[in-house]
């Protein structure tokens, strides 16, 4: 344990680790150390947990294979990300574009200065908030919110 704390201190990770000797997991196949990962400042509980289970693989394979494993609570992580980031990406990269007042993206001039044709920049909000008039449109063809 002393060696572990020495390594954690050397990596600058000591402030992020709490040892709770009262931690218990309700599964009897654990044979050694158990652990949980919690995001501080969150009310979601643990986001990962696991431990050492030397006999578990042998229950299914007939061979004595020591093992350590972890499970990750992806639903909890997504719920935390939704609140913290507001945007969750899968298998892609964020655009990395800075939004500014001078940014308009609508194609070659004069479309580049037409806020009604852009989805980028601070002027794009006007595109989605501009007034639209539906005149003599059949009720069934109106947007759902207007029916």
Protein backbone atom coordinates (compact mmCIF):
# COMPACT_ATOMS: atom_id res chain seq x y z
CA UNK A 1 0.00 0.00 0.00
CA UNK A 2 2.88 2.33 0.79
CA UNK A 3 4.38 1.69 -2.67
CA UNK A 4 1.03 2.40 -4.32
CA UNK A 5 0.72 5.73 -2.51
CA UNK A 6 4.31 6.58 -3.54
CA UNK A 7 3.43 5.98 -7.20
CA UNK A 8 0.17 7.94 -6.96
CA UNK A 9 2.03 10.84 -5.37
CA UNK A 10 4.74 10.76 -8.06
CA UNK A 11 2.06 10.89 -10.79
CA UNK A 12 0.24 13.76 -9.10
CA UNK A 13 -2.86 11.60 -8.73
CA UNK A 14 -2.96 11.30 -4.95
CA UNK A 15 -5.63 14.02 -4.64
CA UNK A 16 -7.93 12.06 -6.97
CA UNK A 17 -7.85 8.78 -5.04
CA UNK A 18 -9.83 7.85 -1.93
CA UNK A 19 -9.37 4.52 -0.22
CA UNK A 20 -12.56 3.37 1.48
CA UNK A 21 -11.96 0.16 3.38
CA UNK A 22 -15.67 -0.19 4.07
CA UNK A 23 -16.51 -0.59 0.36
CA UNK A 24 -18.24 -3.89 -0.32
CA UNK A 25 -19.71 -5.29 -3.52
CA UNK A 26 -22.57 -7.73 -3.30
CA UNK A 27 -21.09 -10.35 -5.59
CA UNK A 28 -19.35 -13.31 -3.96
CA UNK A 29 -17.02 -14.12 -6.87
CA UNK A 30 -14.59 -11.31 -5.96
CA UNK A 31 -11.46 -12.75 -4.39
CA UNK A 32 -9.38 -9.64 -3.73
CA UNK A 33 -9.32 -5.93 -4.29
CA UNK A 34 -12.54 -4.24 -5.42
CA UNK A 35 -12.86 -0.70 -6.73
CA UNK A 36 -15.31 1.90 -7.91
CA UNK A 37 -14.86 5.08 -9.93
CA UNK A 38 -16.95 8.10 -9.02
CA UNK A 39 -17.07 11.50 -10.65
CA UNK A 40 -16.74 14.12 -7.93
CA UNK A 41 -19.49 16.71 -7.94
CA UNK A 42 -21.98 14.32 -9.51
CA UNK A 43 -25.07 12.81 -7.93
CA UNK A 44 -25.01 9.74 -10.20
CA UNK A 45 -23.08 7.39 -7.92
CA UNK A 46 -20.30 5.23 -9.28
CA UNK A 47 -19.61 5.29 -13.02
CA UNK A 48 -17.42 2.17 -13.00
CA UNK A 49 -16.62 -0.71 -10.71
CA UNK A 50 -14.86 -4.03 -10.63
CA UNK A 51 -12.22 -6.07 -8.91
CA UNK A 52 -10.19 -9.25 -8.72
CA UNK A 53 -11.97 -12.54 -9.34
CA UNK A 54 -9.64 -15.50 -9.55
CA UNK A 55 -12.29 -18.23 -9.73
CA UNK A 56 -14.90 -16.70 -12.02
CA UNK A 57 -13.39 -17.69 -15.39
CA UNK A 58 -12.82 -21.20 -14.07
CA UNK A 59 -16.54 -21.57 -13.31
CA UNK A 60 -17.17 -21.47 -17.06
CA UNK A 61 -13.94 -22.81 -18.58
CA UNK A 62 -12.85 -25.42 -16.07
CA UNK A 63 -9.42 -23.76 -15.91
CA UNK A 64 -8.05 -21.73 -13.03
CA UNK A 65 -7.41 -18.32 -14.62
CA UNK A 66 -6.77 -15.29 -12.40
CA UNK A 67 -8.56 -12.19 -13.65
CA UNK A 68 -9.31 -8.55 -12.95
CA UNK A 69 -12.17 -6.70 -14.57
CA UNK A 70 -14.16 -3.51 -14.68
CA UNK A 71 -17.60 -2.54 -15.88
CA UNK A 72 -18.46 0.97 -17.01
CA UNK A 73 -21.88 2.55 -16.53
CA UNK A 74 -22.23 4.13 -19.96
CA UNK A 75 -25.74 5.44 -19.24
CA UNK A 76 -24.49 7.29 -16.18
CA UNK A 77 -21.54 8.71 -18.09
CA UNK A 78 -23.83 9.92 -20.89
CA UNK A 79 -26.18 11.57 -18.39
CA UNK A 80 -23.23 13.41 -16.83
CA UNK A 81 -21.86 14.44 -20.25
CA UNK A 82 -25.25 15.74 -21.37
CA UNK A 83 -25.39 18.07 -18.38
CA UNK A 84 -21.75 19.15 -18.49
CA UNK A 85 -21.02 19.41 -22.21
CA UNK A 86 -24.38 19.87 -23.92
CA UNK A 87 -22.98 17.91 -26.89
CA UNK A 88 -22.07 14.24 -27.01
CA UNK A 89 -20.26 12.87 -30.08
CA UNK A 90 -19.83 9.25 -31.11
CA UNK A 91 -17.30 8.12 -33.71
CA UNK A 92 -16.66 11.68 -34.86
CA UNK A 93 -14.75 14.82 -34.04
CA UNK A 94 -16.12 18.21 -33.00
CA UNK A 95 -15.94 20.85 -35.68
CA UNK A 96 -13.60 23.04 -33.66
CA UNK A 97 -15.04 26.18 -35.24
CA UNK A 98 -15.12 29.39 -33.28
CA UNK A 99 -18.47 31.13 -33.62
CA UNK A 100 -18.19 34.88 -34.10
CA UNK A 101 -20.31 37.79 -35.31
CA UNK A 102 -18.44 37.96 -38.61
CA UNK A 103 -18.92 34.30 -39.48
CA UNK A 104 -21.49 33.47 -42.16
CA UNK A 105 -21.49 30.30 -44.20
CA UNK A 106 -23.79 30.24 -47.16
CA UNK A 107 -21.66 29.74 -50.29
CA UNK A 108 -20.19 32.22 -52.72
CA UNK A 109 -21.04 35.93 -52.57
CA UNK A 110 -23.82 37.17 -52.16
CA UNK A 111 -24.97 34.06 -50.25
CA UNK A 112 -22.13 34.52 -47.75
CA UNK A 113 -23.75 37.71 -46.48
CA UNK A 114 -27.27 36.28 -46.39
CA UNK A 115 -28.09 35.27 -42.82
CA UNK A 116 -31.17 33.45 -44.09
CA UNK A 117 -28.96 30.87 -45.80
CA UNK A 118 -26.51 30.07 -43.02
CA UNK A 119 -26.40 27.64 -40.13
CA UNK A 120 -23.13 29.04 -38.81
CA UNK A 121 -22.25 32.10 -36.77
CA UNK A 122 -24.31 34.32 -34.53
CA UNK A 123 -26.49 35.48 -37.43
CA UNK A 124 -27.74 31.92 -37.97
CA UNK A 125 -30.14 32.33 -35.06
CA UNK A 126 -32.11 34.69 -37.28
CA UNK A 127 -32.61 31.90 -39.80
CA UNK A 128 -34.37 29.77 -37.26
CA UNK A 129 -36.22 32.58 -35.49
CA UNK A 130 -37.35 34.60 -38.50
CA UNK A 131 -41.12 35.02 -38.83
CA UNK A 132 -42.80 32.69 -41.29
CA UNK A 133 -46.29 33.27 -42.63
CA UNK A 134 -48.51 30.35 -43.63
CA UNK A 135 -51.28 31.77 -45.78
CA UNK A 136 -54.15 29.63 -47.12
CA UNK A 137 -52.25 26.45 -46.24
CA UNK A 138 -54.50 23.44 -45.59
CA UNK A 139 -54.66 22.56 -41.90
CA UNK A 140 -53.15 19.10 -42.47
CA UNK A 141 -50.04 20.63 -44.11
CA UNK A 142 -49.25 23.06 -41.30
CA UNK A 143 -46.35 22.27 -38.99
CA UNK A 144 -47.48 20.23 -35.99
CA UNK A 145 -47.04 23.15 -33.58
CA UNK A 146 -49.46 25.29 -35.59
CA UNK A 147 -52.31 22.78 -35.95
